[in-house]
Structures are given as structure tokens and as C-alpha cells.
């Protein structure tokens, strides 16, 4: 077999999409149109949008229809929705977004070009938060303390690579759905890299109680993935150790104001307390 230069564009079905953007939804009328509009800002790359619903009672379905997106009526849990969207796709590349995210102009083309130029099977995309409220500074500080790599997982995949590692595992809802997929991807020793352009998370007002509920759910999912015997140690290492090391270093928290530092202990207790308690209860 002879080596050949990669094509300028991947070969997909005739006149078909190059990238399928899969967006799980549930009562997502507030942000879905904005998310889809950001993806539509593409040039020569053919893109399709596949919205897989989790049982919405608002205008999510009509918004998806108005934007020309394919709509799969659920209800489907989030990880299952991602998997169903991938199964509906015939494109050579997949981009998984949330309904409250927008992509920077040119991101889709960049991911395709990086995959072609470097032979990458996945691309990690930097994420930034748009947020407000009393605990917005605490969340931003927490992201800095955790480190960018710790909270980032690939969202762009070569479809063949995604299928080869088994895709998203149904039943894992918060955090673990993407982490479990990436751990299997890393174990396959497939190549990946970073994009320069980013995704914005439109979080709105930061509510640590809601984040705490998600933390408890992520601990439940982690128990299913890791097994109860490994969960407590893994949670302590992933939650506590990197933040303590960053605090000891001092650089990550230099830009935080007094108000942020006063609110930060409450934020940490609300967000990570349920996760750590759930992990400890499963030892």
C-alpha cells in the first residue's frame, strides 16, 4: 500500500454532510436557536444538525424545525441522546455540543482541517464560561484551580474512531459520559490534539445548588463506571488534590477578589460536598 496525501476535504456520502453536530436537548428553547445559529456560520464545510430530545415541554421542537435541524423525539437521557445522534449520522466527523453552547466562527472548519492535516481522531476544544451572579467568580476560580486540561474532553471525533471505541455509554449523564468516552479513547492510543478556537458555555446565573445536584449525579455515574471500591479515592484525587496544589502554587488565585474568596468555600461545599459524600457512602 502506498502513502497518499490527505484530501482537501474528507470523502463522505455524495452531496452529504462532512460534520454532524449532535445536540441533546430538554426544555432548551432558551438557547437552542443561538447554539444552532453559531454552527451555521460555516464556509465550505457541509454541516447537518441533529437534535435529540430528552422530553421537552417547551418550544424546543419547533425551534429545531425552524432552523432546518433534524429532530429526534425522546425522551432520551443525555448520553443516550449523543449516541443516537451519532447513529443517525452518515458524516465522517461528529461534533457533540450542548444546547447552551455556541462555537466560535471557523471552529468547525478548523477541527476538520486539523484532523486531516495531523491525522487526529479527536480534537479537544477550549471552553470559556459566560456567567453572572454571586457565585460566578467562584466557578471561574474553580476552573482555574482545576486546570484547563482537567475539565476538558474531546467534542470533535472522526466518526470511525468514535464507533471503534464504542461511542457514549448509555446511562452516564453528567460529567462521566464524556470522561468515560475519553478514557476509552486514550486507552486505544488514538491521536488527538487541541483547537485554537473555542466554545462558549452560556451558563447564565450560577446556582451552586443545581451544580451540587449534578455533582451527586456524577458520583453515581462514576460508581457505575469505576466500581464502588475505586470511587472514593478517585473522587478525592480528582476533586481535592489538584485544587490544593494550585492553591499552594498561588498563581491561579491571584486575580480573584475578596468577594470571590469569601463565596468560594460555600460554592465548594455545595458543588463538591454531595459528590464526595456519595463517593464515601459507596466504599
C-alpha atoms as a PDB file:
ATOM      1  CA  UNK A   1       0.000   0.000   0.000  1.00  0.00           C
ATOM      2  CA  UNK A   2       1.395   3.382  -0.995  1.00  0.00           C
ATOM      3  CA  UNK A   3       1.192   6.539   1.085  1.00  0.00           C
ATOM      4  CA  UNK A   4      -1.087   9.229  -0.278  1.00  0.00           C
ATOM      5  CA  UNK A   5      -1.541  12.849   0.684  1.00  0.00           C
ATOM      6  CA  UNK A   6      -4.749  13.527   2.633  1.00  0.00           C
ATOM      7  CA  UNK A   7      -7.571  15.016   0.574  1.00  0.00           C
ATOM      8  CA  UNK A   8      -8.535  18.668   0.919  1.00  0.00           C
ATOM      9  CA  UNK A   9     -11.921  17.509   2.190  1.00  0.00           C
ATOM     10  CA  UNK A  10     -12.880  14.121   3.639  1.00  0.00           C
ATOM     11  CA  UNK A  11     -14.775  11.796   1.395  1.00  0.00           C
ATOM     12  CA  UNK A  12     -18.300  11.284   2.668  1.00  0.00           C
ATOM     13  CA  UNK A  13     -21.569  10.318   1.047  1.00  0.00           C
ATOM     14  CA  UNK A  14     -22.208  12.133  -2.255  1.00  0.00           C
ATOM     15  CA  UNK A  15     -23.529  15.634  -1.501  1.00  0.00           C
ATOM     16  CA  UNK A  16     -23.788  14.638   2.150  1.00  0.00           C
ATOM     17  CA  UNK A  17     -22.580  16.439   5.275  1.00  0.00           C
ATOM     18  CA  UNK A  18     -18.954  16.383   6.343  1.00  0.00           C
ATOM     19  CA  UNK A  19     -19.764  17.059  10.010  1.00  0.00           C
ATOM     20  CA  UNK A  20     -22.838  16.041  12.013  1.00  0.00           C
ATOM     21  CA  UNK A  21     -23.412  18.289  15.016  1.00  0.00           C
ATOM     22  CA  UNK A  22     -25.306  16.357  17.705  1.00  0.00           C
ATOM     23  CA  UNK A  23     -27.165  18.415  20.333  1.00  0.00           C
ATOM     24  CA  UNK A  24     -29.116  16.763  23.188  1.00  0.00           C
ATOM     25  CA  UNK A  25     -31.976  18.906  24.483  1.00  0.00           C
ATOM     26  CA  UNK A  26     -34.516  19.114  27.260  1.00  0.00           C
ATOM     27  CA  UNK A  27     -36.603  22.273  27.539  1.00  0.00           C
ATOM     28  CA  UNK A  28     -33.826  24.040  25.648  1.00  0.00           C
ATOM     29  CA  UNK A  29     -35.862  26.694  23.830  1.00  0.00           C
ATOM     30  CA  UNK A  30     -33.909  29.462  25.560  1.00  0.00           C
ATOM     31  CA  UNK A  31     -30.555  28.618  23.985  1.00  0.00           C
ATOM     32  CA  UNK A  32     -31.027  26.130  21.155  1.00  0.00           C
ATOM     33  CA  UNK A  33     -31.582  28.680  18.385  1.00  0.00           C
ATOM     34  CA  UNK A  34     -28.437  30.574  19.378  1.00  0.00           C
ATOM     35  CA  UNK A  35     -26.414  27.358  19.502  1.00  0.00           C
ATOM     36  CA  UNK A  36     -27.553  26.218  16.052  1.00  0.00           C
ATOM     37  CA  UNK A  37     -27.023  29.690  14.559  1.00  0.00           C
ATOM     38  CA  UNK A  38     -23.394  29.652  15.708  1.00  0.00           C
ATOM     39  CA  UNK A  39     -22.800  26.312  13.989  1.00  0.00           C
ATOM     40  CA  UNK A  40     -24.439  27.548  10.791  1.00  0.00           C
ATOM     41  CA  UNK A  41     -21.668  30.167  10.467  1.00  0.00           C
ATOM     42  CA  UNK A  42     -19.545  27.851   8.348  1.00  0.00           C
ATOM     43  CA  UNK A  43     -17.994  28.252   4.935  1.00  0.00           C
ATOM     44  CA  UNK A  44     -17.414  25.368   2.547  1.00  0.00           C
ATOM     45  CA  UNK A  45     -17.907  22.621   5.132  1.00  0.00           C
ATOM     46  CA  UNK A  46     -21.258  20.844   4.756  1.00  0.00           C
ATOM     47  CA  UNK A  47     -22.827  20.534   8.225  1.00  0.00           C
ATOM     48  CA  UNK A  48     -26.001  18.869   9.472  1.00  0.00           C
ATOM     49  CA  UNK A  49     -27.602  19.453  12.872  1.00  0.00           C
ATOM     50  CA  UNK A  50     -29.162  16.510  14.714  1.00  0.00           C
ATOM     51  CA  UNK A  51     -31.188  17.455  17.799  1.00  0.00           C
ATOM     52  CA  UNK A  52     -32.074  14.524  20.066  1.00  0.00           C
ATOM     53  CA  UNK A  53     -34.641  15.453  22.691  1.00  0.00           C
ATOM     54  CA  UNK A  54     -34.969  14.455  26.313  1.00  0.00           C
ATOM     55  CA  UNK A  55     -38.710  15.057  26.642  1.00  0.00           C
ATOM     56  CA  UNK A  56     -39.103  18.810  26.214  1.00  0.00           C
ATOM     57  CA  UNK A  57     -42.376  20.524  27.115  1.00  0.00           C
ATOM     58  CA  UNK A  58     -41.415  23.909  25.623  1.00  0.00           C
ATOM     59  CA  UNK A  59     -40.762  25.138  22.068  1.00  0.00           C
ATOM     60  CA  UNK A  60     -37.579  23.109  21.547  1.00  0.00           C
ATOM     61  CA  UNK A  61     -39.063  21.005  18.721  1.00  0.00           C
ATOM     62  CA  UNK A  62     -40.395  23.988  16.789  1.00  0.00           C
ATOM     63  CA  UNK A  63     -37.101  25.847  17.109  1.00  0.00           C
ATOM     64  CA  UNK A  64     -35.210  22.846  15.772  1.00  0.00           C
ATOM     65  CA  UNK A  65     -37.654  22.611  12.838  1.00  0.00           C
ATOM     66  CA  UNK A  66     -37.370  26.327  12.079  1.00  0.00           C
ATOM     67  CA  UNK A  67     -33.584  26.087  11.834  1.00  0.00           C
ATOM     68  CA  UNK A  68     -33.680  23.088   9.498  1.00  0.00           C
ATOM     69  CA  UNK A  69     -32.228  20.710  12.077  1.00  0.00           C
ATOM     70  CA  UNK A  70     -33.228  17.057  12.245  1.00  0.00           C
ATOM     71  CA  UNK A  71     -35.272  16.412  15.398  1.00  0.00           C
ATOM     72  CA  UNK A  72     -35.397  13.056  17.170  1.00  0.00           C
ATOM     73  CA  UNK A  73     -38.222  12.992  19.709  1.00  0.00           C
ATOM     74  CA  UNK A  74     -37.401  11.342  23.042  1.00  0.00           C
ATOM     75  CA  UNK A  75     -37.290  11.268  25.919  1.00  0.00           C
ATOM     76  CA  UNK A  76     -33.656  10.172  25.858  1.00  0.00           C
ATOM     77  CA  UNK A  77     -31.050  10.723  28.599  1.00  0.00           C
ATOM     78  CA  UNK A  78     -28.133  12.878  27.500  1.00  0.00           C
ATOM     79  CA  UNK A  79     -25.502  10.204  26.851  1.00  0.00           C
ATOM     80  CA  UNK A  80     -28.044   8.049  25.033  1.00  0.00           C
ATOM     81  CA  UNK A  81     -29.060  11.105  23.004  1.00  0.00           C
ATOM     82  CA  UNK A  82     -25.465  11.671  21.902  1.00  0.00           C
ATOM     83  CA  UNK A  83     -25.176   8.044  20.872  1.00  0.00           C
ATOM     84  CA  UNK A  84     -28.463   8.115  18.938  1.00  0.00           C
ATOM     85  CA  UNK A  85     -27.371  11.268  17.140  1.00  0.00           C
ATOM     86  CA  UNK A  86     -24.135   9.576  16.085  1.00  0.00           C
ATOM     87  CA  UNK A  87     -26.075   6.549  14.859  1.00  0.00           C
ATOM     88  CA  UNK A  88     -28.288   8.818  12.737  1.00  0.00           C
ATOM     89  CA  UNK A  89     -25.235  10.434  11.152  1.00  0.00           C
ATOM     90  CA  UNK A  90     -23.550   9.330   7.930  1.00  0.00           C
ATOM     91  CA  UNK A  91     -20.918  12.111   8.077  1.00  0.00           C
ATOM     92  CA  UNK A  92     -17.221  11.261   8.566  1.00  0.00           C
ATOM     93  CA  UNK A  93     -16.934  13.647  11.543  1.00  0.00           C
ATOM     94  CA  UNK A  94     -19.021  14.289  14.670  1.00  0.00           C
ATOM     95  CA  UNK A  95     -19.212  17.379  16.886  1.00  0.00           C
ATOM     96  CA  UNK A  96     -21.057  16.998  20.198  1.00  0.00           C
ATOM     97  CA  UNK A  97     -22.476  20.214  21.657  1.00  0.00           C
ATOM     98  CA  UNK A  98     -24.834  21.132  24.492  1.00  0.00           C
ATOM     99  CA  UNK A  99     -27.841  23.336  23.832  1.00  0.00           C
ATOM    100  CA  UNK A 100     -26.379  26.193  25.927  1.00  0.00           C
ATOM    101  CA  UNK A 101     -23.114  26.302  23.965  1.00  0.00           C
ATOM    102  CA  UNK A 102     -22.037  28.351  20.960  1.00  0.00           C
ATOM    103  CA  UNK A 103     -18.972  27.823  18.786  1.00  0.00           C
ATOM    104  CA  UNK A 104     -16.502  30.444  17.665  1.00  0.00           C
ATOM    105  CA  UNK A 105     -16.710  31.299  13.966  1.00  0.00           C
ATOM    106  CA  UNK A 106     -14.461  28.998  11.954  1.00  0.00           C
ATOM    107  CA  UNK A 107     -14.251  26.292  14.621  1.00  0.00           C
ATOM    108  CA  UNK A 108     -15.894  23.550  12.561  1.00  0.00           C
ATOM    109  CA  UNK A 109     -13.559  24.093   9.589  1.00  0.00           C
ATOM    110  CA  UNK A 110     -10.568  24.259  11.913  1.00  0.00           C
ATOM    111  CA  UNK A 111     -11.398  20.909  13.529  1.00  0.00           C
ATOM    112  CA  UNK A 112     -11.813  19.219  10.141  1.00  0.00           C
ATOM    113  CA  UNK A 113      -8.568  20.696   8.832  1.00  0.00           C
ATOM    114  CA  UNK A 114      -6.642  19.696  11.970  1.00  0.00           C
ATOM    115  CA  UNK A 115      -7.947  16.142  11.722  1.00  0.00           C
ATOM    116  CA  UNK A 116      -6.893  15.944   8.081  1.00  0.00           C
ATOM    117  CA  UNK A 117      -3.503  17.616   8.459  1.00  0.00           C
ATOM    118  CA  UNK A 118      -2.359  15.770  11.578  1.00  0.00           C
ATOM    119  CA  UNK A 119      -4.276  12.512  11.307  1.00  0.00           C
ATOM    120  CA  UNK A 120      -6.084  13.229  14.572  1.00  0.00           C
ATOM    121  CA  UNK A 121      -9.097  11.133  15.518  1.00  0.00           C
ATOM    122  CA  UNK A 122     -10.358  13.670  18.065  1.00  0.00           C
ATOM    123  CA  UNK A 123      -9.998  17.348  18.919  1.00  0.00           C
ATOM    124  CA  UNK A 124     -10.250  18.956  22.350  1.00  0.00           C
ATOM    125  CA  UNK A 125     -11.809  22.410  22.164  1.00  0.00           C
ATOM    126  CA  UNK A 126     -11.063  25.108  24.778  1.00  0.00           C
ATOM    127  CA  UNK A 127     -14.170  26.257  26.640  1.00  0.00           C
ATOM    128  CA  UNK A 128     -14.947  29.551  28.308  1.00  0.00           C
ATOM    129  CA  UNK A 129     -17.879  30.440  30.532  1.00  0.00           C
ATOM    130  CA  UNK A 130     -20.328  33.310  30.185  1.00  0.00           C
ATOM    131  CA  UNK A 131     -21.940  33.615  33.594  1.00  0.00           C
ATOM    132  CA  UNK A 132     -23.106  36.009  36.282  1.00  0.00           C
ATOM    133  CA  UNK A 133     -24.384  36.079  39.849  1.00  0.00           C
ATOM    134  CA  UNK A 134     -22.807  35.865  43.300  1.00  0.00           C
ATOM    135  CA  UNK A 135     -21.023  32.599  42.566  1.00  0.00           C
ATOM    136  CA  UNK A 136     -19.818  33.348  39.028  1.00  0.00           C
ATOM    137  CA  UNK A 137     -16.376  34.326  40.309  1.00  0.00           C
ATOM    138  CA  UNK A 138     -16.199  31.153  42.394  1.00  0.00           C
ATOM    139  CA  UNK A 139     -16.892  28.952  39.383  1.00  0.00           C
ATOM    140  CA  UNK A 140     -14.262  30.790  37.334  1.00  0.00           C
ATOM    141  CA  UNK A 141     -11.743  30.384  40.160  1.00  0.00           C
ATOM    142  CA  UNK A 142     -12.591  26.698  40.451  1.00  0.00           C
ATOM    143  CA  UNK A 143     -11.949  26.213  36.721  1.00  0.00           C
ATOM    144  CA  UNK A 144      -8.546  27.897  37.076  1.00  0.00           C
ATOM    145  CA  UNK A 145      -7.654  25.806  40.123  1.00  0.00           C
ATOM    146  CA  UNK A 146      -8.685  22.569  38.424  1.00  0.00           C
ATOM    147  CA  UNK A 147      -6.646  23.438  35.340  1.00  0.00           C
ATOM    148  CA  UNK A 148      -7.957  23.620  31.793  1.00  0.00           C
ATOM    149  CA  UNK A 149      -6.999  20.059  30.909  1.00  0.00           C
ATOM    150  CA  UNK A 150      -8.831  18.598  33.911  1.00  0.00           C
ATOM    151  CA  UNK A 151     -12.239  19.835  32.756  1.00  0.00           C
ATOM    152  CA  UNK A 152     -11.803  19.353  29.010  1.00  0.00           C
ATOM    153  CA  UNK A 153     -12.702  16.354  26.879  1.00  0.00           C
ATOM    154  CA  UNK A 154     -12.856  15.969  23.108  1.00  0.00           C
ATOM    155  CA  UNK A 155     -16.101  17.084  21.489  1.00  0.00           C
ATOM    156  CA  UNK A 156     -14.998  16.542  17.889  1.00  0.00           C
ATOM    157  CA  UNK A 157     -14.393  12.968  16.672  1.00  0.00           C
ATOM    158  CA  UNK A 158     -13.711  11.089  13.499  1.00  0.00           C
ATOM    159  CA  UNK A 159     -16.883   9.024  13.177  1.00  0.00           C
ATOM    160  CA  UNK A 160     -14.958   5.809  12.525  1.00  0.00           C
ATOM    161  CA  UNK A 161     -12.866   6.288  15.686  1.00  0.00           C
ATOM    162  CA  UNK A 162     -15.968   7.065  17.759  1.00  0.00           C
ATOM    163  CA  UNK A 163     -17.616   3.859  16.583  1.00  0.00           C
ATOM    164  CA  UNK A 164     -14.435   1.830  17.119  1.00  0.00           C
ATOM    165  CA  UNK A 165     -14.267   2.709  20.839  1.00  0.00           C
ATOM    166  CA  UNK A 166     -17.977   2.024  21.343  1.00  0.00           C
ATOM    167  CA  UNK A 167     -19.378   5.560  21.488  1.00  0.00           C
ATOM    168  CA  UNK A 168     -21.061   7.137  24.512  1.00  0.00           C
ATOM    169  CA  UNK A 169     -22.114   4.716  27.204  1.00  0.00           C
ATOM    170  CA  UNK A 170     -25.894   4.978  27.814  1.00  0.00           C
ATOM    171  CA  UNK A 171     -26.869   5.787  31.390  1.00  0.00           C
ATOM    172  CA  UNK A 172     -23.946   8.077  32.243  1.00  0.00           C
ATOM    173  CA  UNK A 173     -25.493  11.520  32.439  1.00  0.00           C
ATOM    174  CA  UNK A 174     -23.334  14.234  33.987  1.00  0.00           C
ATOM    175  CA  UNK A 175     -19.562  14.511  33.577  1.00  0.00           C
ATOM    176  CA  UNK A 176     -18.877  10.795  33.383  1.00  0.00           C
ATOM    177  CA  UNK A 177     -20.460  10.430  29.930  1.00  0.00           C
ATOM    178  CA  UNK A 178     -17.619  12.393  28.322  1.00  0.00           C
ATOM    179  CA  UNK A 179     -14.908  11.258  30.734  1.00  0.00           C
ATOM    180  CA  UNK A 180     -15.695   7.574  30.205  1.00  0.00           C
ATOM    181  CA  UNK A 181     -15.589   8.076  26.438  1.00  0.00           C
ATOM    182  CA  UNK A 182     -12.249   9.883  26.588  1.00  0.00           C
ATOM    183  CA  UNK A 183     -10.676   7.287  28.872  1.00  0.00           C
ATOM    184  CA  UNK A 184     -11.586   4.581  26.366  1.00  0.00           C
ATOM    185  CA  UNK A 185     -10.296   6.790  23.567  1.00  0.00           C
ATOM    186  CA  UNK A 186      -6.967   7.303  25.386  1.00  0.00           C
ATOM    187  CA  UNK A 187      -6.735   3.584  26.036  1.00  0.00           C
ATOM    188  CA  UNK A 188      -6.985   2.959  22.294  1.00  0.00           C
ATOM    189  CA  UNK A 189      -3.882   5.171  21.806  1.00  0.00           C
ATOM    190  CA  UNK A 190      -5.542   7.161  19.057  1.00  0.00           C
ATOM    191  CA  UNK A 191      -4.085  10.594  18.221  1.00  0.00           C
ATOM    192  CA  UNK A 192      -5.766  13.819  19.285  1.00  0.00           C
ATOM    193  CA  UNK A 193      -4.946  17.486  19.697  1.00  0.00           C
ATOM    194  CA  UNK A 194      -6.275  20.932  20.611  1.00  0.00           C
ATOM    195  CA  UNK A 195      -8.063  23.548  18.518  1.00  0.00           C
ATOM    196  CA  UNK A 196      -7.263  27.251  18.784  1.00  0.00           C
ATOM    197  CA  UNK A 197     -10.869  28.414  18.503  1.00  0.00           C
ATOM    198  CA  UNK A 198     -13.225  27.864  21.418  1.00  0.00           C
ATOM    199  CA  UNK A 199     -16.715  27.006  22.665  1.00  0.00           C
ATOM    200  CA  UNK A 200     -18.651  29.342  24.973  1.00  0.00           C
ATOM    201  CA  UNK A 201     -20.819  27.909  27.756  1.00  0.00           C
ATOM    202  CA  UNK A 202     -23.751  30.292  28.279  1.00  0.00           C
ATOM    203  CA  UNK A 203     -24.352  29.346  31.903  1.00  0.00           C
ATOM    204  CA  UNK A 204     -26.377  32.371  32.973  1.00  0.00           C
ATOM    205  CA  UNK A 205     -26.697  32.826  36.720  1.00  0.00           C
ATOM    206  CA  UNK A 206     -24.522  30.326  38.571  1.00  0.00           C
ATOM    207  CA  UNK A 207     -26.570  28.282  41.040  1.00  0.00           C
ATOM    208  CA  UNK A 208     -24.303  26.128  43.245  1.00  0.00           C
ATOM    209  CA  UNK A 209     -27.274  24.058  44.465  1.00  0.00           C
ATOM    210  CA  UNK A 210     -28.037  22.935  40.915  1.00  0.00           C
ATOM    211  CA  UNK A 211     -24.341  22.259  40.356  1.00  0.00           C
ATOM    212  CA  UNK A 212     -24.340  20.222  43.564  1.00  0.00           C
ATOM    213  CA  UNK A 213     -27.177  18.054  42.256  1.00  0.00           C
ATOM    214  CA  UNK A 214     -25.143  17.412  39.118  1.00  0.00           C
ATOM    215  CA  UNK A 215     -22.122  16.598  41.290  1.00  0.00           C
ATOM    216  CA  UNK A 216     -24.128  13.960  43.130  1.00  0.00           C
ATOM    217  CA  UNK A 217     -25.292  12.513  39.827  1.00  0.00           C
ATOM    218  CA  UNK A 218     -21.737  12.436  38.503  1.00  0.00           C
ATOM    219  CA  UNK A 219     -20.686  10.476  41.592  1.00  0.00           C
ATOM    220  CA  UNK A 220     -23.484   7.990  40.931  1.00  0.00           C
ATOM    221  CA  UNK A 221     -22.279   7.613  37.344  1.00  0.00           C
ATOM    222  CA  UNK A 222     -18.675   7.317  38.473  1.00  0.00           C
ATOM    223  CA  UNK A 223     -19.648   4.420  40.742  1.00  0.00           C
ATOM    224  CA  UNK A 224     -21.193   2.653  37.755  1.00  0.00           C
ATOM    225  CA  UNK A 225     -18.086   3.263  35.666  1.00  0.00           C
ATOM    226  CA  UNK A 226     -15.252   2.872  38.186  1.00  0.00           C
ATOM    227  CA  UNK A 227     -16.881   0.494  40.648  1.00  0.00           C
ATOM    228  CA  UNK A 228     -17.673   1.447  44.273  1.00  0.00           C
ATOM    229  CA  UNK A 229     -14.293   0.266  45.565  1.00  0.00           C
ATOM    230  CA  UNK A 230     -12.336   2.803  43.498  1.00  0.00           C
ATOM    231  CA  UNK A 231     -14.812   5.671  43.626  1.00  0.00           C
ATOM    232  CA  UNK A 232     -13.910   7.391  46.911  1.00  0.00           C
ATOM    233  CA  UNK A 233     -10.180   7.516  46.220  1.00  0.00           C
ATOM    234  CA  UNK A 234     -10.719   8.661  42.656  1.00  0.00           C
ATOM    235  CA  UNK A 235     -13.095  11.427  43.778  1.00  0.00           C
ATOM    236  CA  UNK A 236     -10.694  12.698  46.418  1.00  0.00           C
ATOM    237  CA  UNK A 237      -7.806  12.716  43.941  1.00  0.00           C
ATOM    238  CA  UNK A 238      -9.752  14.378  41.137  1.00  0.00           C
ATOM    239  CA  UNK A 239     -11.546  16.984  43.274  1.00  0.00           C
ATOM    240  CA  UNK A 240      -9.246  17.831  46.189  1.00  0.00           C
ATOM    241  CA  UNK A 241      -5.648  17.251  45.137  1.00  0.00           C
ATOM    242  CA  UNK A 242      -5.382  19.467  42.017  1.00  0.00           C
ATOM    243  CA  UNK A 243      -7.111  22.377  43.746  1.00  0.00           C
ATOM    244  CA  UNK A 244      -4.920  22.181  46.834  1.00  0.00           C
ATOM    245  CA  UNK A 245      -1.820  22.040  44.645  1.00  0.00           C
ATOM    246  CA  UNK A 246      -2.986  25.077  42.684  1.00  0.00           C
ATOM    247  CA  UNK A 247      -3.738  26.989  45.892  1.00  0.00           C
ATOM    248  CA  UNK A 248      -0.285  26.152  47.217  1.00  0.00           C
ATOM    249  CA  UNK A 249       1.235  27.400  43.982  1.00  0.00           C
ATOM    250  CA  UNK A 250      -0.699  30.641  44.364  1.00  0.00           C
ATOM    251  CA  UNK A 251      -0.772  31.745  40.725  1.00  0.00           C
ATOM    252  CA  UNK A 252      -4.276  30.502  39.902  1.00  0.00           C
ATOM    253  CA  UNK A 253      -5.989  32.578  42.564  1.00  0.00           C
ATOM    254  CA  UNK A 254      -4.101  35.865  42.241  1.00  0.00           C
ATOM    255  CA  UNK A 255      -6.784  37.545  40.115  1.00  0.00           C
ATOM    256  CA  UNK A 256      -9.685  36.586  42.432  1.00  0.00           C
ATOM    257  CA  UNK A 257     -11.222  39.367  44.518  1.00  0.00           C
ATOM    258  CA  UNK A 258     -12.136  39.305  48.188  1.00  0.00           C
ATOM    259  CA  UNK A 259     -15.812  38.614  47.447  1.00  0.00           C
ATOM    260  CA  UNK A 260     -14.886  35.589  45.366  1.00  0.00           C
ATOM    261  CA  UNK A 261     -12.699  34.164  48.121  1.00  0.00           C
ATOM    262  CA  UNK A 262     -15.477  34.684  50.697  1.00  0.00           C
ATOM    263  CA  UNK A 263     -18.028  32.900  48.492  1.00  0.00           C
ATOM    264  CA  UNK A 264     -15.650  30.160  47.373  1.00  0.00           C
ATOM    265  CA  UNK A 265     -15.953  27.860  50.461  1.00  0.00           C
ATOM    266  CA  UNK A 266     -19.765  27.913  50.157  1.00  0.00           C
ATOM    267  CA  UNK A 267     -19.506  27.152  46.449  1.00  0.00           C
ATOM    268  CA  UNK A 268     -17.086  24.253  47.016  1.00  0.00           C
ATOM    269  CA  UNK A 269     -19.270  22.778  49.775  1.00  0.00           C
ATOM    270  CA  UNK A 270     -22.421  22.987  47.648  1.00  0.00           C
ATOM    271  CA  UNK A 271     -20.831  21.680  44.461  1.00  0.00           C
ATOM    272  CA  UNK A 272     -18.420  19.009  45.674  1.00  0.00           C
ATOM    273  CA  UNK A 273     -19.902  18.038  49.040  1.00  0.00           C
ATOM    274  CA  UNK A 274     -22.664  15.842  47.523  1.00  0.00           C
ATOM    275  CA  UNK A 275     -20.159  14.172  45.192  1.00  0.00           C
ATOM    276  CA  UNK A 276     -17.705  13.363  47.982  1.00  0.00           C
ATOM    277  CA  UNK A 277     -20.466  12.174  50.341  1.00  0.00           C
ATOM    278  CA  UNK A 278     -21.912   9.931  47.629  1.00  0.00           C
ATOM    279  CA  UNK A 279     -18.459   8.561  46.932  1.00  0.00           C
ATOM    280  CA  UNK A 280     -17.783   7.883  50.629  1.00  0.00           C
ATOM    281  CA  UNK A 281     -21.147   6.142  51.070  1.00  0.00           C
ATOM    282  CA  UNK A 282     -20.274   3.683  48.294  1.00  0.00           C
ATOM    283  CA  UNK A 283     -16.941   2.486  49.732  1.00  0.00           C
END
